[in-house]
Structure formats: structure tokens, C-alpha cells
Amino acid sequence: MKLLITGAYGQLGNEMRVALEHYPHLESVFTDVDTLDITDKNAIEAFVSLHKPNVLINCAAYTAVDKAEDDLALCYKINCDAVRNLGEVAQANGIKIIHISTDYVFDGTGHIPYTEDMAVSPTNVYGKSKLAGERELRKACPEAIIIRTSWLYSGFGNNFVKTMLRLGSERSQLKVIFDQIGTPTYAADLADAMLQIIDAGKFVPGIYHFSNEGVCSWYDFTKMIFKLAHINCEVLPIESKDYAVRTPRPHYSVLNKNKLKSTYNQTIPYWMDGLERCLHVLLSESK
């Protein structure tokens, strides 16, 4: 079994590389924009013809939410057009495909965990581009698996956890939003979940949700980061309206994961446990 993994330099792509150490029977080829331009369908076809993967995992995405409002063309090129390209090539070559999407396909006005069949209504360019990508992929490759996730962080790349660790060590006080609710997701756990799907021996197409278990606000998340990292920085809760941001974020982003758990019999780690493991890696590296 050979995997082709795009977005190799991102949070999830890097965690896939680490997670695959526990799956020695799986062969893998990692690629990013410097080795494969996924907006170029001919390039994908040539790459697939050379490497002959059985499964394609698309970890590549345009994720700069605020910047996307001005960079609409590039955002759609990566999050929609490239995804269609991957789907068409996968379909033509009998390759299984897993694609990562986002909680931003929902408007965040709900109050119960979102299931895969609930109405989607993205409110910003990033969310709209990701939803467009989902739809293009399902048309191009009906057998695809799409996994929506939320609040992704990792020991790699730039993310909320690493930003808070830096700010907490620089400042004595931080103000953090308390009225946006969701679930932090350790990218290592998402990577392992995808490899469990591949290793299960059955590939059930459709949309799935994955985040770590539990619920918190960004304020709660920050408090726990500081507690586990032994950072002495006061955290003050503020409302979204008091935090200047160009692009509104969903107020409620909790995902229901029952479909993934029942289909693949997966046990999903609690968000605090994932955070503790990530911080162990980050803080060990900083010593």
C-alpha cells in the first residue's frame, strides 16, 4: 500500500510523517508545492503515473482566513480547483482519496454539535472555498472521503498553541475570547485517525467529522496551555465584539463525530490529553 500525501510541509503533513512511523507496512510519498503543483492537473497525472499510489491524502490548503478575503482567486485555486484536479486524477486511476475540510463550512450559529448532514452556510471566503472544494471533489470522485476538522494545532508550523506559548512568555496579561466555542484538534490525532481508516481494510466514502473529544472556548484553551506549560500569565476573558478581527469566526464549532467512530470503531482522545502530548513535544524540543 502506497500513500501520496500532499501539503507535506504543513501541520498535518508533518504529523502524517511522524504517525507513519507506527505503520511500517505503509509506503509513503510526500509532496508540497516545490515538488508538485496540485493546481496543475497535468503535473498531478505525471506524478501519479510515476509513483503509482493506492491512496491520496490531501493535506494541502489555503488557510489564511483574513488574507483570503483579498486573495480570493488563489484561495479558490488551492481549496477548490486543486481539489477537483486531485479528485479527477484519483477517479481516473482508481486511487482512493481522503481530503481534509473544515468546520468553517458551517455558519457557527448552532447550539448542538454539527453532524455531517446538517445545512452548510459558510460566512467567509475561506469557508466558501473549502465548501466549494468538497462539492467539486464529490462530483469528480464520488468514492472520496472528506474529513472536516476544527481548531487544528501541532508541534509543527504556526498555530494557536505556539502563539500562546510565545505571548505568554512575553507578557504578564492576555485577553482571550470566551464566547467562541469549539474543540481543539491535535493534528497528530487526526493523522492517526486517517491512517486507521486506511489500515481498516474498508474505505467507506462520504463526509466525516473529526476533532478531539470535549468542548472549550479559546479562553479555556489558553488557560490550559498556560497551566500545562507552567506559564505565569494572567488570562482575561473578552467577547468577540471586543476583539478586532477582520473576518468573523464561527461562535459555535463543535463537531459530532459519531459517524466516524461507529463506521471505523475509533476511539478519539480528549482535547486536554492531546494538548498535553503536544506540549510535551514542544517543551522537550525547547530545552
C-alpha atoms as a PDB file:
ATOM      1  CA  MET A   1       0.000   0.000   0.000  1.00  0.00           C
ATOM      2  CA  LYS A   2       1.483   3.318  -1.098  1.00  0.00           C
ATOM      3  CA  LEU A   3       0.233   6.718   0.083  1.00  0.00           C
ATOM      4  CA  LEU A   4       0.671  10.035  -1.705  1.00  0.00           C
ATOM      5  CA  ILE A   5       0.457  12.885   0.809  1.00  0.00           C
ATOM      6  CA  THR A   6       0.177  16.498  -0.322  1.00  0.00           C
ATOM      7  CA  GLY A   7       0.865  19.507   1.886  1.00  0.00           C
ATOM      8  CA  ALA A   8       3.948  17.830   3.362  1.00  0.00           C
ATOM      9  CA  TYR A   9       5.269  20.995   4.998  1.00  0.00           C
ATOM     10  CA  GLY A  10       2.061  21.900   6.829  1.00  0.00           C
ATOM     11  CA  GLN A  11       0.970  20.938  10.326  1.00  0.00           C
ATOM     12  CA  LEU A  12      -0.944  17.859   9.258  1.00  0.00           C
ATOM     13  CA  GLY A  13       1.514  16.786   6.585  1.00  0.00           C
ATOM     14  CA  ASN A  14       4.354  16.834   9.095  1.00  0.00           C
ATOM     15  CA  GLU A  15       2.293  14.894  11.645  1.00  0.00           C
ATOM     16  CA  MET A  16       1.485  12.313   8.965  1.00  0.00           C
ATOM     17  CA  ARG A  17       5.199  11.714   8.560  1.00  0.00           C
ATOM     18  CA  VAL A  18       5.566  11.102  12.315  1.00  0.00           C
ATOM     19  CA  ALA A  19       2.433   8.937  12.556  1.00  0.00           C
ATOM     20  CA  LEU A  20       3.557   6.730   9.669  1.00  0.00           C
ATOM     21  CA  GLU A  21       6.500   5.557  11.779  1.00  0.00           C
ATOM     22  CA  HIS A  22       3.926   3.365  13.555  1.00  0.00           C
ATOM     23  CA  TYR A  23       2.689   1.911  10.236  1.00  0.00           C
ATOM     24  CA  PRO A  24       5.859   0.393   8.723  1.00  0.00           C
ATOM     25  CA  HIS A  25       3.822  -1.655   6.254  1.00  0.00           C
ATOM     26  CA  LEU A  26       2.573   1.532   4.579  1.00  0.00           C
ATOM     27  CA  GLU A  27       4.814   3.140   1.969  1.00  0.00           C
ATOM     28  CA  SER A  28       4.537   6.911   1.504  1.00  0.00           C
ATOM     29  CA  VAL A  29       5.468   9.710  -0.875  1.00  0.00           C
ATOM     30  CA  PHE A  30       5.298  13.270   0.492  1.00  0.00           C
ATOM     31  CA  THR A  31       4.949  16.311  -1.702  1.00  0.00           C
ATOM     32  CA  ASP A  32       4.412  20.045  -1.437  1.00  0.00           C
ATOM     33  CA  VAL A  33       4.334  22.932  -3.869  1.00  0.00           C
ATOM     34  CA  ASP A  34       8.056  22.650  -4.587  1.00  0.00           C
ATOM     35  CA  THR A  35       7.695  19.085  -5.887  1.00  0.00           C
ATOM     36  CA  LEU A  36       4.084  19.000  -7.106  1.00  0.00           C
ATOM     37  CA  ASP A  37       1.791  21.871  -8.097  1.00  0.00           C
ATOM     38  CA  ILE A  38      -1.669  20.454  -7.398  1.00  0.00           C
ATOM     39  CA  THR A  39      -3.276  23.344  -9.298  1.00  0.00           C
ATOM     40  CA  ASP A  40      -1.742  21.771 -12.429  1.00  0.00           C
ATOM     41  CA  LYS A  41      -3.736  18.666 -13.378  1.00  0.00           C
ATOM     42  CA  ASN A  42      -1.132  17.511 -15.902  1.00  0.00           C
ATOM     43  CA  ALA A  43       1.533  17.646 -13.200  1.00  0.00           C
ATOM     44  CA  ILE A  44      -0.617  15.504 -10.915  1.00  0.00           C
ATOM     45  CA  GLU A  45      -1.204  12.962 -13.664  1.00  0.00           C
ATOM     46  CA  ALA A  46       2.521  12.706 -14.354  1.00  0.00           C
ATOM     47  CA  PHE A  47       3.342  12.388 -10.642  1.00  0.00           C
ATOM     48  CA  VAL A  48       0.737   9.673 -10.145  1.00  0.00           C
ATOM     49  CA  SER A  49       1.941   7.817 -13.223  1.00  0.00           C
ATOM     50  CA  LEU A  50       5.484   7.836 -11.829  1.00  0.00           C
ATOM     51  CA  HIS A  51       4.746   6.905  -8.202  1.00  0.00           C
ATOM     52  CA  LYS A  52       1.559   4.814  -8.606  1.00  0.00           C
ATOM     53  CA  PRO A  53      -0.051   5.458  -5.188  1.00  0.00           C
ATOM     54  CA  ASN A  54      -3.050   3.486  -3.906  1.00  0.00           C
ATOM     55  CA  VAL A  55      -4.312   6.287  -1.639  1.00  0.00           C
ATOM     56  CA  LEU A  56      -4.039  10.058  -1.959  1.00  0.00           C
ATOM     57  CA  ILE A  57      -4.328  12.158   1.222  1.00  0.00           C
ATOM     58  CA  ASN A  58      -4.766  15.864   0.564  1.00  0.00           C
ATOM     59  CA  CYS A  59      -3.384  17.871   3.494  1.00  0.00           C
ATOM     60  CA  ALA A  60      -2.732  20.944   1.330  1.00  0.00           C
ATOM     61  CA  ALA A  61      -4.921  24.018   1.807  1.00  0.00           C
ATOM     62  CA  TYR A  62      -5.022  27.800   1.785  1.00  0.00           C
ATOM     63  CA  THR A  63      -5.764  28.537   5.457  1.00  0.00           C
ATOM     64  CA  ALA A  64      -5.061  32.275   5.940  1.00  0.00           C
ATOM     65  CA  VAL A  65      -8.639  33.220   6.854  1.00  0.00           C
ATOM     66  CA  ASP A  66      -8.253  37.011   6.906  1.00  0.00           C
ATOM     67  CA  LYS A  67      -5.905  37.194   3.925  1.00  0.00           C
ATOM     68  CA  ALA A  68      -8.319  35.066   1.880  1.00  0.00           C
ATOM     69  CA  GLU A  69     -10.778  37.951   1.740  1.00  0.00           C
ATOM     70  CA  ASP A  70      -8.358  39.827  -0.555  1.00  0.00           C
ATOM     71  CA  ASP A  71      -6.681  36.756  -2.059  1.00  0.00           C
ATOM     72  CA  LEU A  72      -9.885  35.129  -3.283  1.00  0.00           C
ATOM     73  CA  ALA A  73      -8.509  33.834  -6.591  1.00  0.00           C
ATOM     74  CA  LEU A  74      -5.558  31.977  -5.034  1.00  0.00           C
ATOM     75  CA  CYS A  75      -7.700  30.716  -2.157  1.00  0.00           C
ATOM     76  CA  TYR A  76     -10.198  29.125  -4.578  1.00  0.00           C
ATOM     77  CA  LYS A  77      -7.398  27.854  -6.804  1.00  0.00           C
ATOM     78  CA  ILE A  78      -5.933  25.830  -3.930  1.00  0.00           C
ATOM     79  CA  ASN A  79      -9.056  24.963  -1.927  1.00  0.00           C
ATOM     80  CA  CYS A  80     -11.371  24.229  -4.843  1.00  0.00           C
ATOM     81  CA  ASP A  81      -9.701  23.908  -8.260  1.00  0.00           C
ATOM     82  CA  ALA A  82      -6.759  21.849  -6.993  1.00  0.00           C
ATOM     83  CA  VAL A  83      -9.114  19.580  -5.058  1.00  0.00           C
ATOM     84  CA  ARG A  84     -11.131  18.945  -8.230  1.00  0.00           C
ATOM     85  CA  ASN A  85      -7.879  18.132 -10.061  1.00  0.00           C
ATOM     86  CA  LEU A  86      -6.890  15.608  -7.397  1.00  0.00           C
ATOM     87  CA  GLY A  87     -10.348  14.063  -7.466  1.00  0.00           C
ATOM     88  CA  GLU A  88     -10.401  13.703 -11.250  1.00  0.00           C
ATOM     89  CA  VAL A  89      -6.955  12.113 -11.337  1.00  0.00           C
ATOM     90  CA  ALA A  90      -7.827   9.801  -8.440  1.00  0.00           C
ATOM     91  CA  GLN A  91     -11.048   8.731 -10.152  1.00  0.00           C
ATOM     92  CA  ALA A  92      -9.329   8.093 -13.476  1.00  0.00           C
ATOM     93  CA  ASN A  93      -6.597   5.998 -11.865  1.00  0.00           C
ATOM     94  CA  GLY A  94      -8.612   4.042  -9.299  1.00  0.00           C
ATOM     95  CA  ILE A  95      -6.913   5.811  -6.373  1.00  0.00           C
ATOM     96  CA  LYS A  96      -8.673   6.206  -3.034  1.00  0.00           C
ATOM     97  CA  ILE A  97      -8.677   9.796  -1.791  1.00  0.00           C
ATOM     98  CA  ILE A  98      -9.024  11.408   1.652  1.00  0.00           C
ATOM     99  CA  HIS A  99      -9.432  15.184   1.746  1.00  0.00           C
ATOM    100  CA  ILE A 100      -9.373  17.495   4.760  1.00  0.00           C
ATOM    101  CA  SER A 101     -12.052  20.159   5.127  1.00  0.00           C
ATOM    102  CA  THR A 102     -13.165  22.476   7.914  1.00  0.00           C
ATOM    103  CA  ASP A 103     -15.811  23.437  10.458  1.00  0.00           C
ATOM    104  CA  TYR A 104     -15.952  26.811   8.655  1.00  0.00           C
ATOM    105  CA  VAL A 105     -18.431  25.308   6.174  1.00  0.00           C
ATOM    106  CA  PHE A 106     -20.980  25.991   8.952  1.00  0.00           C
ATOM    107  CA  ASP A 107     -22.044  29.488   9.991  1.00  0.00           C
ATOM    108  CA  GLY A 108     -21.457  28.855  13.692  1.00  0.00           C
ATOM    109  CA  THR A 109     -24.941  29.868  14.814  1.00  0.00           C
ATOM    110  CA  GLY A 110     -25.865  26.360  16.008  1.00  0.00           C
ATOM    111  CA  HIS A 111     -26.001  25.138  19.588  1.00  0.00           C
ATOM    112  CA  ILE A 112     -25.726  21.359  19.222  1.00  0.00           C
ATOM    113  CA  PRO A 113     -22.755  19.509  17.687  1.00  0.00           C
ATOM    114  CA  TYR A 114     -22.835  19.623  13.895  1.00  0.00           C
ATOM    115  CA  THR A 115     -23.472  16.340  12.105  1.00  0.00           C
ATOM    116  CA  GLU A 116     -22.320  15.725   8.561  1.00  0.00           C
ATOM    117  CA  ASP A 117     -25.812  16.138   7.107  1.00  0.00           C
ATOM    118  CA  MET A 118     -26.634  19.492   8.734  1.00  0.00           C
ATOM    119  CA  ALA A 119     -27.078  22.532   6.496  1.00  0.00           C
ATOM    120  CA  VAL A 120     -23.859  24.270   5.500  1.00  0.00           C
ATOM    121  CA  SER A 121     -23.619  28.058   5.233  1.00  0.00           C
ATOM    122  CA  PRO A 122     -20.059  29.431   5.279  1.00  0.00           C
ATOM    123  CA  THR A 123     -19.722  33.119   6.117  1.00  0.00           C
ATOM    124  CA  ASN A 124     -16.261  33.954   4.751  1.00  0.00           C
ATOM    125  CA  VAL A 125     -14.140  33.332   1.653  1.00  0.00           C
ATOM    126  CA  TYR A 126     -12.078  30.624   3.318  1.00  0.00           C
ATOM    127  CA  GLY A 127     -15.169  28.634   4.365  1.00  0.00           C
ATOM    128  CA  LYS A 128     -16.842  29.139   0.989  1.00  0.00           C
ATOM    129  CA  SER A 129     -13.731  27.956  -0.863  1.00  0.00           C
ATOM    130  CA  LYS A 130     -13.483  24.835   1.300  1.00  0.00           C
ATOM    131  CA  LEU A 131     -17.162  24.010   0.746  1.00  0.00           C
ATOM    132  CA  ALA A 132     -16.714  24.515  -2.993  1.00  0.00           C
ATOM    133  CA  GLY A 133     -13.774  22.107  -2.834  1.00  0.00           C
ATOM    134  CA  GLU A 134     -15.885  19.494  -1.041  1.00  0.00           C
ATOM    135  CA  ARG A 135     -18.567  19.727  -3.713  1.00  0.00           C
ATOM    136  CA  GLU A 136     -16.136  19.573  -6.628  1.00  0.00           C
ATOM    137  CA  LEU A 137     -14.410  16.541  -5.120  1.00  0.00           C
ATOM    138  CA  ARG A 138     -17.659  14.657  -4.599  1.00  0.00           C
ATOM    139  CA  LYS A 139     -18.640  15.318  -8.226  1.00  0.00           C
ATOM    140  CA  ALA A 140     -15.243  14.308  -9.571  1.00  0.00           C
ATOM    141  CA  CYS A 141     -14.748  11.314  -7.281  1.00  0.00           C
ATOM    142  CA  PRO A 142     -17.929  10.050  -5.568  1.00  0.00           C
ATOM    143  CA  GLU A 143     -15.907   7.453  -3.639  1.00  0.00           C
ATOM    144  CA  ALA A 144     -13.861  10.115  -1.822  1.00  0.00           C
ATOM    145  CA  ILE A 145     -13.678  10.512   1.951  1.00  0.00           C
ATOM    146  CA  ILE A 146     -13.878  14.078   3.240  1.00  0.00           C
ATOM    147  CA  ILE A 147     -12.958  14.792   6.857  1.00  0.00           C
ATOM    148  CA  ARG A 148     -13.937  18.108   8.419  1.00  0.00           C
ATOM    149  CA  THR A 149     -11.876  19.196  11.391  1.00  0.00           C
ATOM    150  CA  SER A 150     -11.567  22.204  13.703  1.00  0.00           C
ATOM    151  CA  TRP A 151      -9.067  24.301  15.674  1.00  0.00           C
ATOM    152  CA  LEU A 152      -6.083  22.360  14.360  1.00  0.00           C
ATOM    153  CA  TYR A 153      -2.724  22.719  16.100  1.00  0.00           C
ATOM    154  CA  SER A 154       0.557  20.835  16.135  1.00  0.00           C
ATOM    155  CA  GLY A 155       4.187  20.900  17.133  1.00  0.00           C
ATOM    156  CA  PHE A 156       4.852  21.977  13.535  1.00  0.00           C
ATOM    157  CA  GLY A 157       4.125  25.248  11.756  1.00  0.00           C
ATOM    158  CA  ASN A 158       2.264  28.265  13.087  1.00  0.00           C
ATOM    159  CA  ASN A 159      -0.806  27.750  15.247  1.00  0.00           C
ATOM    160  CA  PHE A 160      -2.706  28.980  18.295  1.00  0.00           C
ATOM    161  CA  VAL A 161      -0.800  26.845  20.813  1.00  0.00           C
ATOM    162  CA  LYS A 162       2.612  28.039  19.682  1.00  0.00           C
ATOM    163  CA  THR A 163       1.416  31.647  19.523  1.00  0.00           C
ATOM    164  CA  MET A 164       0.077  31.485  23.083  1.00  0.00           C
ATOM    165  CA  LEU A 165       3.289  29.911  24.357  1.00  0.00           C
ATOM    166  CA  ARG A 166       5.233  32.810  22.856  1.00  0.00           C
ATOM    167  CA  LEU A 167       2.871  35.558  24.037  1.00  0.00           C
ATOM    168  CA  GLY A 168       2.535  34.025  27.488  1.00  0.00           C
ATOM    169  CA  SER A 169       6.283  34.128  27.960  1.00  0.00           C
ATOM    170  CA  GLU A 170       6.494  37.731  26.731  1.00  0.00           C
ATOM    171  CA  ARG A 171       3.562  39.308  28.573  1.00  0.00           C
ATOM    172  CA  SER A 172       2.092  39.360  32.050  1.00  0.00           C
ATOM    173  CA  GLN A 173      -1.508  39.546  30.821  1.00  0.00           C
ATOM    174  CA  LEU A 174      -3.511  38.432  27.771  1.00  0.00           C
ATOM    175  CA  LYS A 175      -7.106  38.987  26.703  1.00  0.00           C
ATOM    176  CA  VAL A 176      -8.676  35.960  25.000  1.00  0.00           C
ATOM    177  CA  ILE A 177     -12.145  35.381  23.527  1.00  0.00           C
ATOM    178  CA  PHE A 178     -14.505  33.313  25.679  1.00  0.00           C
ATOM    179  CA  ASP A 179     -17.686  33.326  23.550  1.00  0.00           C
ATOM    180  CA  GLN A 180     -16.415  31.195  20.663  1.00  0.00           C
ATOM    181  CA  ILE A 181     -16.886  27.506  21.442  1.00  0.00           C
ATOM    182  CA  GLY A 182     -15.300  24.533  19.718  1.00  0.00           C
ATOM    183  CA  THR A 183     -12.823  21.715  20.138  1.00  0.00           C
ATOM    184  CA  PRO A 184      -9.043  21.937  19.699  1.00  0.00           C
ATOM    185  CA  THR A 185      -7.676  19.175  17.481  1.00  0.00           C
ATOM    186  CA  TYR A 186      -4.144  17.849  17.802  1.00  0.00           C
ATOM    187  CA  ALA A 187      -3.025  17.217  14.224  1.00  0.00           C
ATOM    188  CA  ALA A 188      -1.196  14.069  15.342  1.00  0.00           C
ATOM    189  CA  ASP A 189      -4.537  12.552  16.385  1.00  0.00           C
ATOM    190  CA  LEU A 190      -6.136  13.458  13.051  1.00  0.00           C
ATOM    191  CA  ALA A 191      -3.172  11.926  11.210  1.00  0.00           C
ATOM    192  CA  ASP A 192      -3.538   8.708  13.179  1.00  0.00           C
ATOM    193  CA  ALA A 193      -7.297   8.651  12.558  1.00  0.00           C
ATOM    194  CA  MET A 194      -6.703   8.767   8.793  1.00  0.00           C
ATOM    195  CA  LEU A 195      -4.127   6.002   8.956  1.00  0.00           C
ATOM    196  CA  GLN A 196      -6.566   3.892  10.987  1.00  0.00           C
ATOM    197  CA  ILE A 197      -9.119   4.356   8.181  1.00  0.00           C
ATOM    198  CA  ILE A 198      -6.606   3.194   5.598  1.00  0.00           C
ATOM    199  CA  ASP A 199      -5.481   0.293   7.798  1.00  0.00           C
ATOM    200  CA  ALA A 200      -9.057  -0.836   8.483  1.00  0.00           C
ATOM    201  CA  GLY A 201      -9.324  -2.577   5.134  1.00  0.00           C
ATOM    202  CA  LYS A 202     -12.582  -0.837   4.235  1.00  0.00           C
ATOM    203  CA  PHE A 203     -12.997   2.531   2.559  1.00  0.00           C
ATOM    204  CA  VAL A 204     -16.491   3.924   3.178  1.00  0.00           C
ATOM    205  CA  PRO A 205     -16.953   7.089   1.090  1.00  0.00           C
ATOM    206  CA  GLY A 206     -18.657  10.202   2.403  1.00  0.00           C
ATOM    207  CA  ILE A 207     -18.183  13.156   4.744  1.00  0.00           C
ATOM    208  CA  TYR A 208     -16.938  12.603   8.300  1.00  0.00           C
ATOM    209  CA  HIS A 209     -16.156  14.869  11.227  1.00  0.00           C
ATOM    210  CA  PHE A 210     -13.050  14.624  13.380  1.00  0.00           C
ATOM    211  CA  SER A 211     -11.868  16.722  16.283  1.00  0.00           C
ATOM    212  CA  ASN A 212     -10.660  15.725  19.694  1.00  0.00           C
ATOM    213  CA  GLU A 213     -13.358  14.993  22.277  1.00  0.00           C
ATOM    214  CA  GLY A 214     -14.771  17.662  24.584  1.00  0.00           C
ATOM    215  CA  VAL A 215     -15.624  21.332  24.269  1.00  0.00           C
ATOM    216  CA  CYS A 216     -13.995  24.608  25.311  1.00  0.00           C
ATOM    217  CA  SER A 217     -13.607  28.279  24.438  1.00  0.00           C
ATOM    218  CA  TRP A 218     -10.411  29.938  23.239  1.00  0.00           C
ATOM    219  CA  TYR A 219     -10.144  31.353  26.772  1.00  0.00           C
ATOM    220  CA  ASP A 220     -10.349  27.875  28.336  1.00  0.00           C
ATOM    221  CA  PHE A 221      -7.879  26.574  25.771  1.00  0.00           C
ATOM    222  CA  THR A 222      -5.383  29.301  26.650  1.00  0.00           C
ATOM    223  CA  LYS A 223      -5.778  28.764  30.391  1.00  0.00           C
ATOM    224  CA  MET A 224      -4.993  25.067  29.945  1.00  0.00           C
ATOM    225  CA  ILE A 225      -1.984  25.784  27.707  1.00  0.00           C
ATOM    226  CA  PHE A 226      -0.522  28.023  30.391  1.00  0.00           C
ATOM    227  CA  LYS A 227      -1.349  25.606  33.193  1.00  0.00           C
ATOM    228  CA  LEU A 228       0.311  22.637  31.491  1.00  0.00           C
ATOM    229  CA  ALA A 229       3.297  24.708  30.335  1.00  0.00           C
ATOM    230  CA  HIS A 230       3.700  26.336  33.781  1.00  0.00           C
ATOM    231  CA  ILE A 231       3.441  29.839  32.299  1.00  0.00           C
ATOM    232  CA  ASN A 232       2.576  32.615  34.741  1.00  0.00           C
ATOM    233  CA  CYS A 233       0.447  34.928  32.620  1.00  0.00           C
ATOM    234  CA  GLU A 234      -2.970  36.287  33.590  1.00  0.00           C
ATOM    235  CA  VAL A 235      -5.703  35.470  31.066  1.00  0.00           C
ATOM    236  CA  LEU A 236      -8.727  37.755  30.874  1.00  0.00           C
ATOM    237  CA  PRO A 237     -11.920  36.666  29.072  1.00  0.00           C
ATOM    238  CA  ILE A 238     -13.316  39.036  26.436  1.00  0.00           C
ATOM    239  CA  GLU A 239     -16.210  38.906  23.969  1.00  0.00           C
ATOM    240  CA  SER A 240     -15.704  38.545  20.220  1.00  0.00           C
ATOM    241  CA  LYS A 241     -17.072  42.047  19.667  1.00  0.00           C
ATOM    242  CA  ASP A 242     -14.209  43.453  21.742  1.00  0.00           C
ATOM    243  CA  TYR A 243     -11.517  41.713  19.703  1.00  0.00           C
ATOM    244  CA  ALA A 244     -10.578  43.435  16.462  1.00  0.00           C
ATOM    245  CA  VAL A 245     -10.527  40.890  13.659  1.00  0.00           C
ATOM    246  CA  ARG A 246     -11.314  41.469  10.014  1.00  0.00           C
ATOM    247  CA  THR A 247     -13.126  38.203   9.321  1.00  0.00           C
ATOM    248  CA  PRO A 248     -15.725  36.944  11.823  1.00  0.00           C
ATOM    249  CA  ARG A 249     -15.179  33.423  13.159  1.00  0.00           C
ATOM    250  CA  PRO A 250     -17.966  30.934  13.976  1.00  0.00           C
ATOM    251  CA  HIS A 251     -19.281  31.280  17.532  1.00  0.00           C
ATOM    252  CA  TYR A 252     -20.045  27.560  17.750  1.00  0.00           C
ATOM    253  CA  SER A 253     -17.844  24.982  16.011  1.00  0.00           C
ATOM    254  CA  VAL A 254     -18.439  21.734  17.851  1.00  0.00           C
ATOM    255  CA  LEU A 255     -18.459  18.719  15.509  1.00  0.00           C
ATOM    256  CA  ASN A 256     -20.388  15.497  16.090  1.00  0.00           C
ATOM    257  CA  LYS A 257     -18.011  12.574  15.458  1.00  0.00           C
ATOM    258  CA  ASN A 258     -20.383   9.617  15.899  1.00  0.00           C
ATOM    259  CA  LYS A 259     -20.311   8.696  12.196  1.00  0.00           C
ATOM    260  CA  LEU A 260     -16.529   8.235  12.155  1.00  0.00           C
ATOM    261  CA  LYS A 261     -16.497   6.423  15.496  1.00  0.00           C
ATOM    262  CA  SER A 262     -19.239   3.989  14.502  1.00  0.00           C
ATOM    263  CA  THR A 263     -18.026   3.358  10.940  1.00  0.00           C
ATOM    264  CA  TYR A 264     -14.399   2.758  11.881  1.00  0.00           C
ATOM    265  CA  ASN A 265     -14.705   1.849  15.558  1.00  0.00           C
ATOM    266  CA  GLN A 266     -12.295   4.618  16.515  1.00  0.00           C
ATOM    267  CA  THR A 267     -11.644   5.964  19.987  1.00  0.00           C
ATOM    268  CA  ILE A 268     -10.904   9.688  19.878  1.00  0.00           C
ATOM    269  CA  PRO A 269      -8.644  11.297  22.518  1.00  0.00           C
ATOM    270  CA  TYR A 270      -9.864  14.073  24.804  1.00  0.00           C
ATOM    271  CA  TRP A 271      -8.632  17.545  23.814  1.00  0.00           C
ATOM    272  CA  MET A 272      -6.705  18.142  27.051  1.00  0.00           C
ATOM    273  CA  ASP A 273      -4.854  14.860  26.617  1.00  0.00           C
ATOM    274  CA  GLY A 274      -3.925  15.812  23.055  1.00  0.00           C
ATOM    275  CA  LEU A 275      -2.722  19.204  24.237  1.00  0.00           C
ATOM    276  CA  GLU A 276      -0.623  17.636  26.967  1.00  0.00           C
ATOM    277  CA  ARG A 277       1.076  15.342  24.449  1.00  0.00           C
ATOM    278  CA  CYS A 278       1.740  18.215  22.045  1.00  0.00           C
ATOM    279  CA  LEU A 279       3.201  20.393  24.788  1.00  0.00           C
ATOM    280  CA  HIS A 280       5.417  17.543  25.910  1.00  0.00           C
ATOM    281  CA  VAL A 281       6.914  17.501  22.411  1.00  0.00           C
ATOM    282  CA  LEU A 282       7.209  21.287  22.137  1.00  0.00           C
ATOM    283  CA  LEU A 283       8.651  21.858  25.592  1.00  0.00           C
ATOM    284  CA  SER A 284      11.102  18.961  25.220  1.00  0.00           C
ATOM    285  CA  GLU A 285      12.381  20.493  21.996  1.00  0.00           C
ATOM    286  CA  SER A 286      12.861  23.897  23.643  1.00  0.00           C
ATOM    287  CA  LYS A 287      15.142  22.544  26.385  1.00  0.00           C
END
